[in-house]
Amino acid sequence: MEFDLLTPDHPLWERVADAAQNCSWSAGMALAQSMRSGALTGWERVIAAHFGSAVCGFCTVTRTDCIPDVPYTPYIGFVFVDEAFRGKRLSQRMIRFAMDYLKSLGFQRVYLTSDHENLYEKYGFSVIDRKTAYWGAEEKIYMREL
C-alpha cells in the first residue's frame, strides 16, 4: 500500500477523482467536483491510498470544511476507504499520513467534521464544537494536537 499527496499534475489525480465520483458515498461526488474545478490550492492536497494504480481510499487536507464561519484550520476531510479494502486500518494510516504532512507545514493541530459516533476518538480526536453544516445537519467538529 502506498500513500501519495496529490496535486492536479499528479498521474493519479484523475483516477482518484473518478474513484471519488463513483464511490458508494454520496460525498464523493462533491470531492470529484472540487478536484476537477481547481478548488484545492496552495498546500491543500488529496491523499491517495493505492496499490499500484488501484485506488483503495482517499482523504483531503484543506483550509476549510463543510461548516462556514468557524476559526478552525486545517481540516482532514473526505475520508473514504473502498469496501474491498476495509478492515485493514487504512483510514487510520491515511489520517496519520495527513497529520504528518500538516505537521511538516508547521501546523500544531488539525480538525475534522463528522456526524459519526465514536469513530475519530480512537485516533486521538476530541469533539470541541458542534455546528450546522451547509446541508442543514448538525456536525461535530473534532480537534487533535499534532
C-alpha atoms as a PDB file:
ATOM      1  CA  MET A   1       0.000   0.000   0.000  1.00  0.00           C
ATOM      2  CA  GLU A   2       1.337   3.421  -0.945  1.00  0.00           C
ATOM      3  CA  PHE A   3       0.212   6.904   0.065  1.00  0.00           C
ATOM      4  CA  ASP A   4       0.711   9.980  -2.092  1.00  0.00           C
ATOM      5  CA  LEU A   5       0.000  13.684  -1.741  1.00  0.00           C
ATOM      6  CA  LEU A   6      -1.771  14.667  -4.940  1.00  0.00           C
ATOM      7  CA  THR A   7      -1.919  17.919  -6.827  1.00  0.00           C
ATOM      8  CA  PRO A   8      -3.626  18.263 -10.239  1.00  0.00           C
ATOM      9  CA  ASP A   9      -0.428  17.371 -12.092  1.00  0.00           C
ATOM     10  CA  HIS A  10      -0.011  14.010 -10.305  1.00  0.00           C
ATOM     11  CA  PRO A  11      -0.602  10.946 -12.521  1.00  0.00           C
ATOM     12  CA  LEU A  12      -3.214   9.572 -10.075  1.00  0.00           C
ATOM     13  CA  TRP A  13      -5.258  12.799  -9.863  1.00  0.00           C
ATOM     14  CA  GLU A  14      -7.901  11.887 -12.422  1.00  0.00           C
ATOM     15  CA  ARG A  15      -8.035   8.254 -11.299  1.00  0.00           C
ATOM     16  CA  VAL A  16      -8.784   9.407  -7.726  1.00  0.00           C
ATOM     17  CA  ALA A  17     -11.368  11.911  -8.993  1.00  0.00           C
ATOM     18  CA  ASP A  18     -13.055   9.029 -10.856  1.00  0.00           C
ATOM     19  CA  ALA A  19     -12.899   6.825  -7.735  1.00  0.00           C
ATOM     20  CA  ALA A  20     -14.470   9.604  -5.660  1.00  0.00           C
ATOM     21  CA  GLN A  21     -17.190  10.249  -8.234  1.00  0.00           C
ATOM     22  CA  ASN A  22     -18.095   6.559  -8.446  1.00  0.00           C
ATOM     23  CA  CYS A  23     -17.695   5.519  -4.813  1.00  0.00           C
ATOM     24  CA  SER A  24     -20.572   4.332  -2.634  1.00  0.00           C
ATOM     25  CA  TRP A  25     -20.519   7.522  -0.512  1.00  0.00           C
ATOM     26  CA  SER A  26     -22.552  10.411  -1.906  1.00  0.00           C
ATOM     27  CA  ALA A  27     -19.987  12.981  -0.699  1.00  0.00           C
ATOM     28  CA  GLY A  28     -17.516  11.518  -3.170  1.00  0.00           C
ATOM     29  CA  MET A  29     -19.254  13.434  -5.964  1.00  0.00           C
ATOM     30  CA  ALA A  30     -18.504  16.709  -4.165  1.00  0.00           C
ATOM     31  CA  LEU A  31     -14.831  15.798  -3.856  1.00  0.00           C
ATOM     32  CA  ALA A  32     -14.616  14.860  -7.530  1.00  0.00           C
ATOM     33  CA  GLN A  33     -16.195  18.178  -8.454  1.00  0.00           C
ATOM     34  CA  SER A  34     -13.748  20.090  -6.211  1.00  0.00           C
ATOM     35  CA  MET A  35     -10.817  18.257  -7.750  1.00  0.00           C
ATOM     36  CA  ARG A  36     -11.938  18.963 -11.295  1.00  0.00           C
ATOM     37  CA  SER A  37     -12.807  22.602 -10.653  1.00  0.00           C
ATOM     38  CA  GLY A  38      -9.427  23.530  -9.227  1.00  0.00           C
ATOM     39  CA  ALA A  39     -10.816  24.264  -5.756  1.00  0.00           C
ATOM     40  CA  LEU A  40      -7.740  22.909  -3.956  1.00  0.00           C
ATOM     41  CA  THR A  41      -4.940  25.453  -3.861  1.00  0.00           C
ATOM     42  CA  GLY A  42      -1.630  26.141  -2.137  1.00  0.00           C
ATOM     43  CA  TRP A  43      -0.749  23.444   0.391  1.00  0.00           C
ATOM     44  CA  GLU A  44      -4.162  21.745   0.097  1.00  0.00           C
ATOM     45  CA  ARG A  45      -3.923  18.161  -1.142  1.00  0.00           C
ATOM     46  CA  VAL A  46      -5.809  14.988  -1.883  1.00  0.00           C
ATOM     47  CA  ILE A  47      -4.205  11.986  -0.239  1.00  0.00           C
ATOM     48  CA  ALA A  48      -4.496   8.738  -2.152  1.00  0.00           C
ATOM     49  CA  ALA A  49      -4.044   5.296  -0.694  1.00  0.00           C
ATOM     50  CA  HIS A  50      -3.304   3.000  -3.602  1.00  0.00           C
ATOM     51  CA  PHE A  51      -1.926  -0.355  -4.537  1.00  0.00           C
ATOM     52  CA  GLY A  52      -0.285   0.267  -7.877  1.00  0.00           C
ATOM     53  CA  SER A  53      -2.934   2.032  -9.926  1.00  0.00           C
ATOM     54  CA  ALA A  54      -5.841   0.704  -7.832  1.00  0.00           C
ATOM     55  CA  VAL A  55      -7.289   3.452  -5.637  1.00  0.00           C
ATOM     56  CA  CYS A  56      -8.017   1.947  -2.207  1.00  0.00           C
ATOM     57  CA  GLY A  57      -9.005   5.118  -0.379  1.00  0.00           C
ATOM     58  CA  PHE A  58      -8.617   8.871  -0.214  1.00  0.00           C
ATOM     59  CA  CYS A  59      -8.918  11.898   2.008  1.00  0.00           C
ATOM     60  CA  THR A  60      -8.111  15.593   1.808  1.00  0.00           C
ATOM     61  CA  VAL A  61      -6.224  18.238   3.751  1.00  0.00           C
ATOM     62  CA  THR A  62      -7.801  21.656   3.293  1.00  0.00           C
ATOM     63  CA  ARG A  63      -8.178  25.105   4.838  1.00  0.00           C
ATOM     64  CA  THR A  64     -11.939  24.778   5.347  1.00  0.00           C
ATOM     65  CA  ASP A  65     -14.601  22.129   5.517  1.00  0.00           C
ATOM     66  CA  CYS A  66     -18.399  21.952   5.367  1.00  0.00           C
ATOM     67  CA  ILE A  67     -19.113  24.400   8.203  1.00  0.00           C
ATOM     68  CA  PRO A  68     -18.832  28.094   7.347  1.00  0.00           C
ATOM     69  CA  ASP A  69     -17.598  30.882   9.576  1.00  0.00           C
ATOM     70  CA  VAL A  70     -15.521  28.953  12.103  1.00  0.00           C
ATOM     71  CA  PRO A  71     -11.946  29.820  13.105  1.00  0.00           C
ATOM     72  CA  TYR A  72     -10.599  26.281  12.713  1.00  0.00           C
ATOM     73  CA  THR A  73      -7.960  25.203  10.180  1.00  0.00           C
ATOM     74  CA  PRO A  74      -6.571  22.931   8.710  1.00  0.00           C
ATOM     75  CA  TYR A  75      -9.007  20.064   8.142  1.00  0.00           C
ATOM     76  CA  ILE A  76      -8.767  16.431   7.205  1.00  0.00           C
ATOM     77  CA  GLY A  77     -11.841  15.649   5.144  1.00  0.00           C
ATOM     78  CA  PHE A  78     -13.494  13.241   2.721  1.00  0.00           C
ATOM     79  CA  VAL A  79     -12.040  10.185   4.467  1.00  0.00           C
ATOM     80  CA  PHE A  80     -13.149   7.179   2.418  1.00  0.00           C
ATOM     81  CA  VAL A  81     -11.933   3.601   2.079  1.00  0.00           C
ATOM     82  CA  ASP A  82     -13.220   1.394  -0.723  1.00  0.00           C
ATOM     83  CA  GLU A  83     -15.277  -1.517   0.596  1.00  0.00           C
ATOM     84  CA  ALA A  84     -12.771  -4.076  -0.726  1.00  0.00           C
ATOM     85  CA  PHE A  85     -10.016  -2.579   1.433  1.00  0.00           C
ATOM     86  CA  ARG A  86     -11.856  -2.027   4.708  1.00  0.00           C
ATOM     87  CA  GLY A  87     -10.737  -3.684   7.924  1.00  0.00           C
ATOM     88  CA  LYS A  88      -7.043  -3.037   7.275  1.00  0.00           C
ATOM     89  CA  ARG A  89      -6.715   0.200   9.304  1.00  0.00           C
ATOM     90  CA  LEU A  90      -6.465   2.199   6.089  1.00  0.00           C
ATOM     91  CA  SER A  91      -8.395   5.187   7.493  1.00  0.00           C
ATOM     92  CA  GLN A  92      -6.008   5.326  10.436  1.00  0.00           C
ATOM     93  CA  ARG A  93      -2.978   5.176   8.148  1.00  0.00           C
ATOM     94  CA  MET A  94      -4.342   7.914   5.836  1.00  0.00           C
ATOM     95  CA  ILE A  95      -5.137  10.154   8.803  1.00  0.00           C
ATOM     96  CA  ARG A  96      -1.623   9.615  10.198  1.00  0.00           C
ATOM     97  CA  PHE A  97      -0.137  10.434   6.761  1.00  0.00           C
ATOM     98  CA  ALA A  98      -2.272  13.599   6.585  1.00  0.00           C
ATOM     99  CA  MET A  99      -1.255  14.653  10.101  1.00  0.00           C
ATOM    100  CA  ASP A 100       2.444  14.113   9.319  1.00  0.00           C
ATOM    101  CA  TYR A 101       2.101  16.290   6.217  1.00  0.00           C
ATOM    102  CA  LEU A 102       0.311  19.062   8.124  1.00  0.00           C
ATOM    103  CA  LYS A 103       2.867  18.937  10.928  1.00  0.00           C
ATOM    104  CA  SER A 104       5.667  19.287   8.355  1.00  0.00           C
ATOM    105  CA  LEU A 105       3.976  22.522   7.242  1.00  0.00           C
ATOM    106  CA  GLY A 106       4.124  23.882  10.799  1.00  0.00           C
ATOM    107  CA  PHE A 107       0.538  23.313  11.923  1.00  0.00           C
ATOM    108  CA  GLN A 108       0.104  22.440  15.593  1.00  0.00           C
ATOM    109  CA  ARG A 109      -3.395  20.949  15.473  1.00  0.00           C
ATOM    110  CA  VAL A 110      -5.833  19.533  12.955  1.00  0.00           C
ATOM    111  CA  TYR A 111      -9.626  19.442  12.707  1.00  0.00           C
ATOM    112  CA  LEU A 112     -12.261  17.309  11.065  1.00  0.00           C
ATOM    113  CA  THR A 113     -16.046  17.287  10.964  1.00  0.00           C
ATOM    114  CA  SER A 114     -18.288  14.264  11.195  1.00  0.00           C
ATOM    115  CA  ASP A 115     -21.621  13.001  12.392  1.00  0.00           C
ATOM    116  CA  HIS A 116     -20.141   9.584  13.243  1.00  0.00           C
ATOM    117  CA  GLU A 117     -20.179   8.435  16.852  1.00  0.00           C
ATOM    118  CA  ASN A 118     -17.017   7.046  18.426  1.00  0.00           C
ATOM    119  CA  LEU A 119     -15.037   6.837  15.198  1.00  0.00           C
ATOM    120  CA  TYR A 120     -12.402   9.547  15.368  1.00  0.00           C
ATOM    121  CA  GLU A 121     -11.940   9.404  19.136  1.00  0.00           C
ATOM    122  CA  LYS A 122      -9.944   6.190  18.670  1.00  0.00           C
ATOM    123  CA  TYR A 123      -7.482   8.231  16.582  1.00  0.00           C
ATOM    124  CA  GLY A 124      -7.000  10.758  19.396  1.00  0.00           C
ATOM    125  CA  PHE A 125      -9.536  13.365  18.262  1.00  0.00           C
ATOM    126  CA  SER A 126     -11.862  15.146  20.692  1.00  0.00           C
ATOM    127  CA  VAL A 127     -15.124  16.948  19.976  1.00  0.00           C
ATOM    128  CA  ILE A 128     -14.619  20.681  20.514  1.00  0.00           C
ATOM    129  CA  ASP A 129     -17.717  22.143  18.871  1.00  0.00           C
ATOM    130  CA  ARG A 130     -20.995  21.363  17.133  1.00  0.00           C
ATOM    131  CA  LYS A 131     -22.269  23.404  14.216  1.00  0.00           C
ATOM    132  CA  THR A 132     -24.719  23.161  11.361  1.00  0.00           C
ATOM    133  CA  ALA A 133     -23.224  22.183   8.017  1.00  0.00           C
ATOM    134  CA  TYR A 134     -24.353  23.807   4.799  1.00  0.00           C
ATOM    135  CA  TRP A 135     -26.855  20.966   4.158  1.00  0.00           C
ATOM    136  CA  GLY A 136     -28.626  21.652   7.470  1.00  0.00           C
ATOM    137  CA  ALA A 137     -27.399  18.757   9.643  1.00  0.00           C
ATOM    138  CA  GLU A 138     -25.513  19.213  12.877  1.00  0.00           C
ATOM    139  CA  GLU A 139     -21.909  18.039  12.652  1.00  0.00           C
ATOM    140  CA  LYS A 140     -19.303  17.603  15.341  1.00  0.00           C
ATOM    141  CA  ILE A 141     -16.003  19.420  14.946  1.00  0.00           C
ATOM    142  CA  TYR A 142     -13.101  17.323  16.188  1.00  0.00           C
ATOM    143  CA  MET A 143      -9.592  18.502  17.042  1.00  0.00           C
ATOM    144  CA  ARG A 144      -6.285  16.781  17.626  1.00  0.00           C
ATOM    145  CA  GLU A 145      -2.899  18.171  18.557  1.00  0.00           C
ATOM    146  CA  LEU A 146      -0.171  17.252  16.071  1.00  0.00           C
END
